[in-house]
Amino acid sequence: MSELKSQFDAAVNYVQTVEGNSFKPSNDFKLAMYSLFKQSTEGDVKGKRPGLTNFVGRAKYDAWAKLKGTRTEKAMQDYINKIETIKKSS
């Protein structure tokens, strides 16, 4: 798992430090990345679902909740795979 964790950390670092990338992700892609990150780092979603007027919070919660039960290793690998796809298309 340490190799996977290293690759995951590198992918997270890439997302946080990339500048001038021509890739313009859709909101759905951003939500997918958010939910994979949260599932990888915190596990299953916790707490109450945000109210109807909190559109962003509700969308994030729902995206993360869809991954309930997903193993940490799978979420990390899926996150890495998505970042690798972006790197190749840049």
N, C-alpha and C. Protein backbone atom coordinates (compact mmCIF):
# COMPACT_ATOMS: atom_id res chain seq x y z
N MET A 1 0.82 -1.20 0.00
CA MET A 1 0.00 0.00 0.00
C MET A 1 0.86 1.25 0.00
N SER A 2 2.09 1.19 0.49
CA SER A 2 2.92 2.39 0.56
C SER A 2 3.24 2.94 -0.82
N GLU A 3 3.40 2.06 -1.82
CA GLU A 3 3.63 2.52 -3.20
C GLU A 3 2.38 3.23 -3.73
N LEU A 4 1.22 2.66 -3.46
CA LEU A 4 -0.04 3.27 -3.88
C LEU A 4 -0.21 4.63 -3.21
N LYS A 5 0.08 4.70 -1.93
CA LYS A 5 -0.03 5.97 -1.18
C LYS A 5 0.92 7.01 -1.76
N SER A 6 2.11 6.62 -2.12
CA SER A 6 3.07 7.54 -2.73
C SER A 6 2.55 8.06 -4.07
N GLN A 7 2.00 7.17 -4.87
CA GLN A 7 1.44 7.58 -6.16
C GLN A 7 0.24 8.51 -5.96
N PHE A 8 -0.59 8.19 -4.97
CA PHE A 8 -1.75 9.02 -4.66
C PHE A 8 -1.30 10.41 -4.23
N ASP A 9 -0.33 10.47 -3.33
CA ASP A 9 0.19 11.76 -2.86
C ASP A 9 0.77 12.58 -4.01
N ALA A 10 1.45 11.92 -4.94
CA ALA A 10 2.00 12.60 -6.11
C ALA A 10 0.89 13.15 -6.99
N ALA A 11 -0.19 12.39 -7.15
CA ALA A 11 -1.32 12.86 -7.96
C ALA A 11 -2.01 14.05 -7.30
N VAL A 12 -2.17 13.99 -5.98
CA VAL A 12 -2.76 15.13 -5.24
C VAL A 12 -1.87 16.35 -5.38
N ASN A 13 -0.57 16.15 -5.26
CA ASN A 13 0.38 17.25 -5.40
C ASN A 13 0.30 17.86 -6.80
N TYR A 14 0.17 17.02 -7.80
CA TYR A 14 0.03 17.50 -9.18
C TYR A 14 -1.18 18.41 -9.32
N VAL A 15 -2.30 17.98 -8.78
CA VAL A 15 -3.53 18.78 -8.86
C VAL A 15 -3.36 20.11 -8.15
N GLN A 16 -2.68 20.10 -7.02
CA GLN A 16 -2.52 21.32 -6.23
C GLN A 16 -1.49 22.28 -6.81
N THR A 17 -0.57 21.79 -7.64
CA THR A 17 0.51 22.65 -8.11
C THR A 17 0.50 22.93 -9.60
N VAL A 18 -0.34 22.27 -10.37
CA VAL A 18 -0.35 22.45 -11.82
C VAL A 18 -0.81 23.88 -12.16
N GLU A 19 -0.07 24.50 -13.07
CA GLU A 19 -0.41 25.84 -13.51
C GLU A 19 -0.45 25.88 -15.02
N GLY A 20 -1.36 26.67 -15.55
CA GLY A 20 -1.42 26.84 -17.00
C GLY A 20 -1.88 25.62 -17.76
N ASN A 21 -2.49 24.70 -17.09
CA ASN A 21 -2.98 23.50 -17.74
C ASN A 21 -4.15 23.86 -18.65
N SER A 22 -4.16 23.35 -19.85
CA SER A 22 -5.23 23.65 -20.80
C SER A 22 -6.50 22.85 -20.50
N PHE A 23 -6.42 21.89 -19.61
CA PHE A 23 -7.57 21.06 -19.26
C PHE A 23 -8.55 21.88 -18.41
N LYS A 24 -9.78 21.96 -18.87
CA LYS A 24 -10.83 22.67 -18.15
C LYS A 24 -11.88 21.64 -17.71
N PRO A 25 -11.77 21.16 -16.47
CA PRO A 25 -12.67 20.10 -16.04
C PRO A 25 -14.12 20.58 -15.87
N SER A 26 -15.03 19.68 -16.15
CA SER A 26 -16.45 19.95 -15.94
C SER A 26 -16.75 19.86 -14.45
N ASN A 27 -17.90 20.34 -14.06
CA ASN A 27 -18.31 20.24 -12.66
C ASN A 27 -18.44 18.77 -12.24
N ASP A 28 -18.93 17.94 -13.15
CA ASP A 28 -19.05 16.51 -12.84
C ASP A 28 -17.68 15.88 -12.58
N PHE A 29 -16.70 16.27 -13.38
CA PHE A 29 -15.35 15.76 -13.18
C PHE A 29 -14.79 16.23 -11.84
N LYS A 30 -15.00 17.50 -11.52
CA LYS A 30 -14.53 18.04 -10.24
C LYS A 30 -15.17 17.31 -9.07
N LEU A 31 -16.47 17.03 -9.18
CA LEU A 31 -17.16 16.30 -8.11
C LEU A 31 -16.62 14.87 -7.98
N ALA A 32 -16.34 14.25 -9.11
CA ALA A 32 -15.77 12.89 -9.08
C ALA A 32 -14.42 12.89 -8.38
N MET A 33 -13.58 13.88 -8.71
CA MET A 33 -12.26 13.96 -8.09
C MET A 33 -12.39 14.25 -6.59
N TYR A 34 -13.29 15.15 -6.24
CA TYR A 34 -13.52 15.48 -4.83
C TYR A 34 -13.95 14.23 -4.07
N SER A 35 -14.91 13.51 -4.63
CA SER A 35 -15.44 12.34 -3.91
C SER A 35 -14.38 11.23 -3.79
N LEU A 36 -13.57 11.05 -4.82
CA LEU A 36 -12.50 10.05 -4.73
C LEU A 36 -11.46 10.46 -3.70
N PHE A 37 -11.13 11.75 -3.65
CA PHE A 37 -10.18 12.23 -2.66
C PHE A 37 -10.71 12.00 -1.24
N LYS A 38 -11.96 12.38 -1.02
CA LYS A 38 -12.55 12.23 0.32
C LYS A 38 -12.66 10.75 0.71
N GLN A 39 -13.06 9.91 -0.23
CA GLN A 39 -13.17 8.48 0.07
C GLN A 39 -11.80 7.91 0.38
N SER A 40 -10.79 8.38 -0.33
CA SER A 40 -9.41 7.91 -0.11
C SER A 40 -8.85 8.34 1.23
N THR A 41 -9.17 9.54 1.65
CA THR A 41 -8.56 10.10 2.85
C THR A 41 -9.41 9.97 4.11
N GLU A 42 -10.73 9.87 3.96
CA GLU A 42 -11.60 9.84 5.14
C GLU A 42 -12.52 8.63 5.22
N GLY A 43 -12.66 7.90 4.13
CA GLY A 43 -13.59 6.77 4.13
C GLY A 43 -14.99 7.21 3.79
N ASP A 44 -15.97 6.44 4.23
CA ASP A 44 -17.37 6.74 3.90
C ASP A 44 -17.81 8.09 4.44
N VAL A 45 -18.73 8.71 3.70
CA VAL A 45 -19.27 10.01 4.08
C VAL A 45 -19.93 9.93 5.46
N LYS A 46 -19.78 11.02 6.20
CA LYS A 46 -20.35 11.10 7.55
C LYS A 46 -21.17 12.37 7.67
N GLY A 47 -22.03 12.42 8.66
CA GLY A 47 -22.79 13.62 8.92
C GLY A 47 -24.07 13.70 8.11
N LYS A 48 -24.77 14.80 8.33
CA LYS A 48 -26.04 15.00 7.65
C LYS A 48 -25.84 15.58 6.27
N ARG A 49 -26.76 15.25 5.41
CA ARG A 49 -26.76 15.81 4.05
C ARG A 49 -27.14 17.29 4.15
N PRO A 50 -26.40 18.17 3.49
CA PRO A 50 -26.72 19.60 3.55
C PRO A 50 -28.12 19.89 3.01
N GLY A 51 -28.67 21.00 3.45
CA GLY A 51 -30.02 21.38 3.08
C GLY A 51 -30.16 21.76 1.61
N LEU A 52 -31.39 21.93 1.18
CA LEU A 52 -31.70 22.22 -0.22
C LEU A 52 -31.07 23.50 -0.74
N THR A 53 -30.86 24.47 0.11
CA THR A 53 -30.31 25.75 -0.35
C THR A 53 -28.78 25.74 -0.44
N ASN A 54 -28.15 24.71 0.08
CA ASN A 54 -26.69 24.58 0.00
C ASN A 54 -26.36 23.68 -1.18
N PHE A 55 -26.45 24.26 -2.38
CA PHE A 55 -26.31 23.48 -3.61
C PHE A 55 -24.94 22.81 -3.73
N VAL A 56 -23.89 23.56 -3.46
CA VAL A 56 -22.53 23.02 -3.60
C VAL A 56 -22.28 21.93 -2.57
N GLY A 57 -22.60 22.21 -1.32
CA GLY A 57 -22.41 21.23 -0.26
C GLY A 57 -23.20 19.96 -0.51
N ARG A 58 -24.40 20.12 -1.00
CA ARG A 58 -25.26 18.97 -1.28
C ARG A 58 -24.69 18.14 -2.43
N ALA A 59 -24.21 18.80 -3.47
CA ALA A 59 -23.62 18.08 -4.61
C ALA A 59 -22.38 17.31 -4.18
N LYS A 60 -21.54 17.94 -3.36
CA LYS A 60 -20.34 17.27 -2.87
C LYS A 60 -20.71 16.07 -2.01
N TYR A 61 -21.65 16.27 -1.10
CA TYR A 61 -22.08 15.19 -0.21
C TYR A 61 -22.61 14.01 -1.04
N ASP A 62 -23.49 14.31 -2.02
CA ASP A 62 -24.09 13.25 -2.83
C ASP A 62 -23.04 12.49 -3.64
N ALA A 63 -22.07 13.22 -4.21
CA ALA A 63 -21.01 12.57 -4.99
C ALA A 63 -20.20 11.64 -4.10
N TRP A 64 -19.87 12.09 -2.90
CA TRP A 64 -19.10 11.28 -1.97
C TRP A 64 -19.92 10.08 -1.50
N ALA A 65 -21.21 10.30 -1.22
CA ALA A 65 -22.08 9.24 -0.72
C ALA A 65 -22.21 8.09 -1.73
N LYS A 66 -22.09 8.41 -3.02
CA LYS A 66 -22.17 7.37 -4.05
C LYS A 66 -21.03 6.36 -3.94
N LEU A 67 -19.94 6.76 -3.30
CA LEU A 67 -18.78 5.87 -3.15
C LEU A 67 -18.79 5.08 -1.85
N LYS A 68 -19.88 5.19 -1.11
CA LYS A 68 -19.96 4.48 0.18
C LYS A 68 -19.63 3.00 -0.01
N GLY A 69 -18.72 2.53 0.82
CA GLY A 69 -18.31 1.13 0.76
C GLY A 69 -17.12 0.86 -0.14
N THR A 70 -16.69 1.88 -0.89
CA THR A 70 -15.53 1.71 -1.76
C THR A 70 -14.27 1.65 -0.91
N ARG A 71 -13.43 0.65 -1.17
CA ARG A 71 -12.18 0.50 -0.42
C ARG A 71 -11.25 1.68 -0.68
N THR A 72 -10.48 2.04 0.30
CA THR A 72 -9.52 3.14 0.20
C THR A 72 -8.59 2.93 -0.99
N GLU A 73 -8.08 1.72 -1.14
CA GLU A 73 -7.13 1.43 -2.21
C GLU A 73 -7.75 1.64 -3.59
N LYS A 74 -9.00 1.24 -3.76
CA LYS A 74 -9.68 1.42 -5.04
C LYS A 74 -9.91 2.90 -5.32
N ALA A 75 -10.33 3.65 -4.31
CA ALA A 75 -10.56 5.09 -4.50
C ALA A 75 -9.25 5.79 -4.86
N MET A 76 -8.17 5.42 -4.20
CA MET A 76 -6.86 6.01 -4.52
C MET A 76 -6.46 5.69 -5.95
N GLN A 77 -6.61 4.44 -6.35
CA GLN A 77 -6.22 4.04 -7.70
C GLN A 77 -7.07 4.75 -8.74
N ASP A 78 -8.36 4.87 -8.50
CA ASP A 78 -9.24 5.58 -9.43
C ASP A 78 -8.83 7.05 -9.55
N TYR A 79 -8.47 7.67 -8.44
CA TYR A 79 -8.00 9.06 -8.45
C TYR A 79 -6.73 9.18 -9.29
N ILE A 80 -5.78 8.29 -9.04
CA ILE A 80 -4.52 8.29 -9.79
C ILE A 80 -4.79 8.11 -11.28
N ASN A 81 -5.67 7.18 -11.64
CA ASN A 81 -5.97 6.91 -13.05
C ASN A 81 -6.55 8.14 -13.74
N LYS A 82 -7.43 8.86 -13.06
CA LYS A 82 -8.02 10.06 -13.64
C LYS A 82 -6.96 11.14 -13.86
N ILE A 83 -6.04 11.29 -12.92
CA ILE A 83 -4.98 12.28 -13.06
C ILE A 83 -4.04 11.88 -14.20
N GLU A 84 -3.72 10.62 -14.30
CA GLU A 84 -2.86 10.15 -15.39
C GLU A 84 -3.50 10.43 -16.74
N THR A 85 -4.79 10.27 -16.85
CA THR A 85 -5.51 10.57 -18.09
C THR A 85 -5.37 12.05 -18.44
N ILE A 86 -5.48 12.91 -17.43
CA ILE A 86 -5.33 14.36 -17.65
C ILE A 86 -3.93 14.68 -18.11
N LYS A 87 -2.94 14.09 -17.46
CA LYS A 87 -1.54 14.35 -17.82
C LYS A 87 -1.27 13.98 -19.29
N LYS A 88 -1.83 12.87 -19.72
CA LYS A 88 -1.60 12.40 -21.09
C LYS A 88 -2.26 13.30 -22.12
N SER A 89 -3.40 13.90 -21.74
CA SER A 89 -4.11 14.75 -22.69
C SER A 89 -3.59 16.18 -22.72
N SER A 90 -2.72 16.53 -21.78
CA SER A 90 -2.18 17.90 -21.72
C SER A 90 -1.05 18.10 -22.68
